[in-house]
N, C-alpha and C. Protein backbone atom coordinates (compact mmCIF):
# COMPACT_ATOMS: atom_id res chain seq x y z
N MET A 1 20.30 10.14 -15.02
CA MET A 1 19.52 9.65 -13.90
C MET A 1 18.04 9.73 -14.26
N SER A 2 17.32 8.66 -14.05
CA SER A 2 15.90 8.67 -14.39
C SER A 2 15.13 9.44 -13.34
N ARG A 3 13.97 9.91 -13.74
CA ARG A 3 13.12 10.66 -12.82
C ARG A 3 11.94 9.80 -12.43
N LEU A 4 11.58 9.88 -11.19
CA LEU A 4 10.39 9.15 -10.74
C LEU A 4 9.17 9.71 -11.46
N SER A 5 8.32 8.82 -11.92
CA SER A 5 7.11 9.24 -12.60
C SER A 5 6.13 9.91 -11.64
N ILE A 6 6.44 9.87 -10.40
CA ILE A 6 5.58 10.47 -9.39
C ILE A 6 6.22 11.77 -8.92
N GLY A 7 6.69 12.56 -9.88
CA GLY A 7 7.51 13.72 -9.61
C GLY A 7 6.82 14.94 -9.05
N SER A 8 5.55 15.16 -9.32
CA SER A 8 4.92 16.38 -8.84
C SER A 8 4.72 16.32 -7.33
N GLN A 9 4.67 17.48 -6.75
CA GLN A 9 4.48 17.56 -5.29
C GLN A 9 3.17 16.90 -4.88
N ALA A 10 2.12 17.10 -5.66
CA ALA A 10 0.82 16.50 -5.33
C ALA A 10 0.91 14.98 -5.39
N LYS A 11 1.60 14.44 -6.37
CA LYS A 11 1.73 12.98 -6.48
C LYS A 11 2.59 12.43 -5.36
N ARG A 12 3.63 13.15 -4.97
CA ARG A 12 4.45 12.69 -3.83
C ARG A 12 3.64 12.71 -2.54
N ALA A 13 2.85 13.75 -2.35
CA ALA A 13 2.01 13.83 -1.15
C ALA A 13 1.00 12.69 -1.13
N ASP A 14 0.44 12.38 -2.29
CA ASP A 14 -0.51 11.28 -2.40
C ASP A 14 0.17 9.96 -2.05
N ALA A 15 1.37 9.75 -2.58
CA ALA A 15 2.12 8.52 -2.28
C ALA A 15 2.43 8.44 -0.79
N ALA A 16 2.76 9.57 -0.18
CA ALA A 16 3.08 9.57 1.25
C ALA A 16 1.88 9.13 2.08
N VAL A 17 0.67 9.53 1.68
CA VAL A 17 -0.55 9.11 2.39
C VAL A 17 -0.71 7.60 2.30
N ILE A 18 -0.48 7.06 1.11
CA ILE A 18 -0.60 5.61 0.91
C ILE A 18 0.41 4.86 1.76
N PHE A 19 1.67 5.29 1.69
CA PHE A 19 2.70 4.58 2.44
C PHE A 19 2.53 4.74 3.95
N ALA A 20 2.01 5.87 4.39
CA ALA A 20 1.71 6.04 5.82
C ALA A 20 0.64 5.04 6.25
N ALA A 21 -0.38 4.87 5.42
CA ALA A 21 -1.43 3.91 5.74
C ALA A 21 -0.88 2.49 5.78
N LEU A 22 0.00 2.17 4.86
CA LEU A 22 0.57 0.82 4.81
C LEU A 22 1.67 0.61 5.84
N GLY A 23 2.13 1.69 6.46
CA GLY A 23 3.21 1.60 7.44
C GLY A 23 2.78 1.05 8.79
N ASP A 24 1.50 0.91 9.00
CA ASP A 24 0.99 0.36 10.26
C ASP A 24 0.87 -1.16 10.13
N GLU A 25 1.41 -1.89 11.09
CA GLU A 25 1.42 -3.35 11.03
C GLU A 25 0.03 -3.95 10.92
N THR A 26 -0.91 -3.44 11.68
CA THR A 26 -2.28 -3.98 11.64
C THR A 26 -2.91 -3.73 10.28
N ARG A 27 -2.74 -2.52 9.75
CA ARG A 27 -3.31 -2.23 8.44
C ARG A 27 -2.65 -3.06 7.35
N LEU A 28 -1.37 -3.25 7.46
CA LEU A 28 -0.67 -4.08 6.48
C LEU A 28 -1.18 -5.52 6.53
N ARG A 29 -1.45 -6.01 7.73
CA ARG A 29 -2.00 -7.36 7.89
C ARG A 29 -3.41 -7.44 7.27
N ILE A 30 -4.21 -6.40 7.46
CA ILE A 30 -5.54 -6.35 6.86
C ILE A 30 -5.43 -6.37 5.33
N VAL A 31 -4.54 -5.57 4.78
CA VAL A 31 -4.34 -5.55 3.33
C VAL A 31 -3.92 -6.93 2.84
N GLY A 32 -3.03 -7.58 3.57
CA GLY A 32 -2.61 -8.93 3.20
C GLY A 32 -3.77 -9.91 3.17
N ARG A 33 -4.62 -9.83 4.18
CA ARG A 33 -5.79 -10.73 4.21
C ARG A 33 -6.75 -10.45 3.07
N LEU A 34 -6.99 -9.16 2.80
CA LEU A 34 -7.90 -8.82 1.71
C LEU A 34 -7.32 -9.24 0.36
N CYS A 35 -6.01 -9.16 0.22
CA CYS A 35 -5.36 -9.63 -1.02
C CYS A 35 -5.52 -11.14 -1.16
N ALA A 36 -5.29 -11.85 -0.09
CA ALA A 36 -5.31 -13.32 -0.14
C ALA A 36 -6.72 -13.89 -0.19
N GLU A 37 -7.66 -13.27 0.52
CA GLU A 37 -8.99 -13.86 0.69
C GLU A 37 -10.09 -13.13 -0.06
N GLY A 38 -9.80 -11.97 -0.61
CA GLY A 38 -10.83 -11.20 -1.29
C GLY A 38 -11.65 -10.39 -0.30
N PRO A 39 -12.77 -9.85 -0.74
CA PRO A 39 -13.61 -9.02 0.14
C PRO A 39 -14.03 -9.77 1.40
N LEU A 40 -13.94 -9.06 2.54
CA LEU A 40 -14.28 -9.66 3.83
C LEU A 40 -15.09 -8.69 4.68
N SER A 41 -15.94 -9.24 5.51
CA SER A 41 -16.69 -8.43 6.47
C SER A 41 -15.77 -8.10 7.64
N ILE A 42 -16.18 -7.11 8.40
CA ILE A 42 -15.42 -6.75 9.60
C ILE A 42 -15.38 -7.93 10.56
N MET A 43 -16.48 -8.66 10.65
CA MET A 43 -16.53 -9.84 11.51
C MET A 43 -15.45 -10.85 11.11
N ARG A 44 -15.34 -11.13 9.82
CA ARG A 44 -14.33 -12.08 9.35
C ARG A 44 -12.92 -11.54 9.57
N LEU A 45 -12.74 -10.23 9.37
CA LEU A 45 -11.41 -9.64 9.59
C LEU A 45 -11.03 -9.67 11.07
N THR A 46 -12.00 -9.61 11.94
CA THR A 46 -11.74 -9.63 13.38
C THR A 46 -11.39 -11.03 13.87
N THR A 47 -11.92 -12.06 13.19
CA THR A 47 -11.67 -13.44 13.60
C THR A 47 -10.16 -13.73 13.54
N GLY A 48 -9.63 -14.15 14.67
CA GLY A 48 -8.20 -14.47 14.74
C GLY A 48 -7.30 -13.28 14.97
N ALA A 49 -7.86 -12.09 14.95
CA ALA A 49 -7.06 -10.88 15.18
C ALA A 49 -6.91 -10.66 16.68
N LYS A 50 -5.83 -10.02 17.06
CA LYS A 50 -5.59 -9.74 18.47
C LYS A 50 -6.04 -8.34 18.83
N VAL A 51 -6.87 -7.76 17.97
CA VAL A 51 -7.42 -6.43 18.23
C VAL A 51 -8.93 -6.49 18.14
N SER A 52 -9.58 -5.48 18.70
CA SER A 52 -11.05 -5.47 18.76
C SER A 52 -11.67 -5.13 17.40
N ARG A 53 -12.94 -5.38 17.32
CA ARG A 53 -13.71 -5.02 16.12
C ARG A 53 -13.63 -3.51 15.87
N GLN A 54 -13.67 -2.73 16.95
CA GLN A 54 -13.58 -1.28 16.82
C GLN A 54 -12.23 -0.87 16.26
N ALA A 55 -11.17 -1.54 16.68
CA ALA A 55 -9.83 -1.23 16.17
C ALA A 55 -9.72 -1.60 14.69
N ILE A 56 -10.26 -2.75 14.32
CA ILE A 56 -10.25 -3.16 12.91
C ILE A 56 -11.01 -2.13 12.08
N THR A 57 -12.16 -1.69 12.57
CA THR A 57 -12.96 -0.69 11.87
C THR A 57 -12.17 0.61 11.68
N LYS A 58 -11.48 1.03 12.73
CA LYS A 58 -10.67 2.24 12.66
C LYS A 58 -9.59 2.09 11.58
N HIS A 59 -8.93 0.95 11.55
CA HIS A 59 -7.88 0.73 10.55
C HIS A 59 -8.46 0.66 9.13
N LEU A 60 -9.63 0.06 8.99
CA LEU A 60 -10.27 0.01 7.67
C LEU A 60 -10.61 1.42 7.18
N HIS A 61 -11.05 2.27 8.08
CA HIS A 61 -11.37 3.64 7.69
C HIS A 61 -10.10 4.40 7.31
N ALA A 62 -8.99 4.12 7.96
CA ALA A 62 -7.72 4.73 7.57
C ALA A 62 -7.31 4.27 6.17
N LEU A 63 -7.50 3.00 5.87
CA LEU A 63 -7.21 2.50 4.53
C LEU A 63 -8.15 3.12 3.50
N GLU A 64 -9.40 3.33 3.90
CA GLU A 64 -10.37 3.97 3.00
C GLU A 64 -9.97 5.41 2.72
N GLU A 65 -9.55 6.14 3.75
CA GLU A 65 -9.13 7.53 3.57
C GLU A 65 -7.92 7.64 2.65
N ALA A 66 -7.07 6.62 2.66
CA ALA A 66 -5.90 6.59 1.77
C ALA A 66 -6.28 6.11 0.37
N GLY A 67 -7.53 5.72 0.20
CA GLY A 67 -8.00 5.26 -1.10
C GLY A 67 -7.64 3.82 -1.41
N LEU A 68 -7.24 3.05 -0.40
CA LEU A 68 -6.80 1.68 -0.61
C LEU A 68 -7.89 0.65 -0.45
N ALA A 69 -8.97 0.99 0.23
CA ALA A 69 -10.05 0.03 0.48
C ALA A 69 -11.38 0.76 0.39
N ARG A 70 -12.42 -0.03 0.18
CA ARG A 70 -13.77 0.53 0.17
C ARG A 70 -14.74 -0.50 0.72
N ALA A 71 -15.83 0.01 1.25
CA ALA A 71 -16.84 -0.87 1.84
C ALA A 71 -18.10 -0.85 0.99
N SER A 72 -18.79 -1.95 1.03
CA SER A 72 -20.13 -2.04 0.44
C SER A 72 -20.99 -2.81 1.41
N ARG A 73 -22.27 -2.62 1.31
CA ARG A 73 -23.20 -3.30 2.23
C ARG A 73 -23.62 -4.63 1.65
N ALA A 74 -23.62 -5.63 2.50
CA ALA A 74 -24.14 -6.97 2.16
C ALA A 74 -25.07 -7.34 3.31
N GLY A 75 -26.33 -6.98 3.18
CA GLY A 75 -27.27 -7.19 4.29
C GLY A 75 -26.94 -6.23 5.41
N ARG A 76 -26.71 -6.79 6.58
CA ARG A 76 -26.39 -5.96 7.75
C ARG A 76 -24.91 -5.73 7.91
N GLU A 77 -24.10 -6.39 7.11
CA GLU A 77 -22.63 -6.30 7.24
C GLU A 77 -22.04 -5.35 6.21
N SER A 78 -20.94 -4.75 6.59
CA SER A 78 -20.10 -4.02 5.64
C SER A 78 -19.03 -4.99 5.17
N VAL A 79 -18.88 -5.09 3.87
CA VAL A 79 -17.86 -5.95 3.28
C VAL A 79 -16.79 -5.04 2.69
N TRP A 80 -15.55 -5.30 3.07
CA TRP A 80 -14.44 -4.46 2.65
C TRP A 80 -13.63 -5.16 1.57
N GLU A 81 -13.18 -4.35 0.60
CA GLU A 81 -12.33 -4.87 -0.46
C GLU A 81 -11.27 -3.84 -0.80
N LEU A 82 -10.19 -4.32 -1.39
CA LEU A 82 -9.11 -3.44 -1.80
C LEU A 82 -9.46 -2.77 -3.11
N ARG A 83 -8.90 -1.60 -3.32
CA ARG A 83 -9.06 -0.87 -4.58
C ARG A 83 -7.83 -1.17 -5.43
N GLY A 84 -8.01 -2.02 -6.41
CA GLY A 84 -6.91 -2.51 -7.23
C GLY A 84 -6.14 -1.42 -7.95
N LYS A 85 -6.83 -0.43 -8.47
CA LYS A 85 -6.14 0.64 -9.21
C LYS A 85 -5.18 1.39 -8.29
N ARG A 86 -5.62 1.64 -7.09
CA ARG A 86 -4.79 2.38 -6.14
C ARG A 86 -3.54 1.57 -5.78
N LEU A 87 -3.71 0.27 -5.59
CA LEU A 87 -2.57 -0.59 -5.30
C LEU A 87 -1.65 -0.70 -6.51
N ALA A 88 -2.20 -0.67 -7.71
CA ALA A 88 -1.37 -0.70 -8.92
C ALA A 88 -0.51 0.55 -9.00
N ASN A 89 -1.04 1.69 -8.58
CA ASN A 89 -0.25 2.92 -8.55
C ASN A 89 0.93 2.79 -7.60
N VAL A 90 0.69 2.18 -6.45
CA VAL A 90 1.76 1.94 -5.48
C VAL A 90 2.82 1.03 -6.10
N GLN A 91 2.38 -0.01 -6.78
CA GLN A 91 3.32 -0.94 -7.41
C GLN A 91 4.17 -0.23 -8.46
N ARG A 92 3.57 0.62 -9.27
CA ARG A 92 4.34 1.37 -10.28
C ARG A 92 5.37 2.27 -9.62
N TYR A 93 4.99 2.91 -8.53
CA TYR A 93 5.92 3.77 -7.82
C TYR A 93 7.10 2.96 -7.29
N LEU A 94 6.83 1.83 -6.66
CA LEU A 94 7.90 0.98 -6.14
C LEU A 94 8.77 0.42 -7.26
N ASP A 95 8.17 0.08 -8.38
CA ASP A 95 8.94 -0.40 -9.54
C ASP A 95 9.89 0.68 -10.03
N GLN A 96 9.42 1.94 -10.07
CA GLN A 96 10.28 3.03 -10.52
C GLN A 96 11.43 3.25 -9.54
N ILE A 97 11.15 3.18 -8.26
CA ILE A 97 12.21 3.32 -7.25
C ILE A 97 13.24 2.20 -7.44
N SER A 98 12.78 0.99 -7.69
CA SER A 98 13.68 -0.14 -7.91
C SER A 98 14.56 0.08 -9.14
N ARG A 99 13.96 0.57 -10.24
CA ARG A 99 14.74 0.85 -11.45
C ARG A 99 15.77 1.93 -11.18
N ASP A 100 15.37 2.99 -10.47
CA ASP A 100 16.31 4.07 -10.15
C ASP A 100 17.45 3.56 -9.26
N TRP A 101 17.13 2.71 -8.32
CA TRP A 101 18.14 2.13 -7.44
C TRP A 101 19.11 1.27 -8.24
N ASP A 102 18.59 0.42 -9.12
CA ASP A 102 19.45 -0.41 -9.97
C ASP A 102 20.36 0.44 -10.84
N ALA A 103 19.83 1.53 -11.39
CA ALA A 103 20.63 2.42 -12.22
C ALA A 103 21.74 3.08 -11.40
N ALA A 104 21.42 3.49 -10.18
CA ALA A 104 22.42 4.12 -9.31
C ALA A 104 23.52 3.12 -8.96
N LEU A 105 23.14 1.88 -8.67
CA LEU A 105 24.15 0.85 -8.39
C LEU A 105 25.02 0.57 -9.61
N GLY A 106 24.41 0.59 -10.79
CA GLY A 106 25.17 0.41 -12.02
C GLY A 106 26.18 1.52 -12.23
N ARG A 107 25.78 2.75 -11.96
CA ARG A 107 26.73 3.88 -12.07
C ARG A 107 27.85 3.76 -11.06
N LEU A 108 27.52 3.35 -9.84
CA LEU A 108 28.54 3.16 -8.82
C LEU A 108 29.51 2.06 -9.21
N ARG A 109 28.99 0.95 -9.72
CA ARG A 109 29.83 -0.16 -10.15
C ARG A 109 30.77 0.29 -11.27
N ALA A 110 30.24 1.02 -12.25
CA ALA A 110 31.06 1.51 -13.36
C ALA A 110 32.14 2.47 -12.84
N PHE A 111 31.79 3.32 -11.90
CA PHE A 111 32.76 4.25 -11.33
C PHE A 111 33.88 3.50 -10.62
N VAL A 112 33.54 2.52 -9.80
CA VAL A 112 34.53 1.75 -9.05
C VAL A 112 35.42 0.96 -10.01
N GLU A 113 34.83 0.36 -11.01
CA GLU A 113 35.61 -0.42 -11.96
C GLU A 113 36.54 0.48 -12.80
N ASP A 114 36.11 1.68 -13.15
CA ASP A 114 36.94 2.61 -13.89
C ASP A 114 38.10 3.11 -13.06
N GLU A 115 37.88 3.26 -11.76
CA GLU A 115 38.93 3.76 -10.85
C GLU A 115 39.96 2.67 -10.53
N GLY A 116 39.53 1.40 -10.66
CA GLY A 116 40.37 0.29 -10.25
C GLY A 116 41.36 -0.06 -11.26
C-alpha cells in the first residue's frame, strides 16, 4: 500500500486548512473565477455575486489565511490573485489520493478474481 506524501501530522493539518477553505461554496466560486479570469479586484469579484462586498472580502481573507490567495494594491483597489504553488500542493495531494484509491481498487479486483 502506498503512503500519502502528506504523511506528517503537520502536513495533514495544513491540508485540512486548505480543504476547509475550499469547502465553502462561495470561496470555491471565488477560486474558480480567479483561476478563469486571473487577478481581480473585490469590485470585480462582487459583480454578479449574490453576496455583499463585505462577504466577498471576508471569504478572500479566509482564502488568504489558508495561503490560497493574496492581495496587492493597484491604486485604491486591492487586487486578489491565487497562489499557484499552494494550489499545486493541493493538486499533488489529490493526485496521491487518486493513485492510492486506484491501487486499492486493483487489490480488491485481484482478490475478487482470485476467489472466483
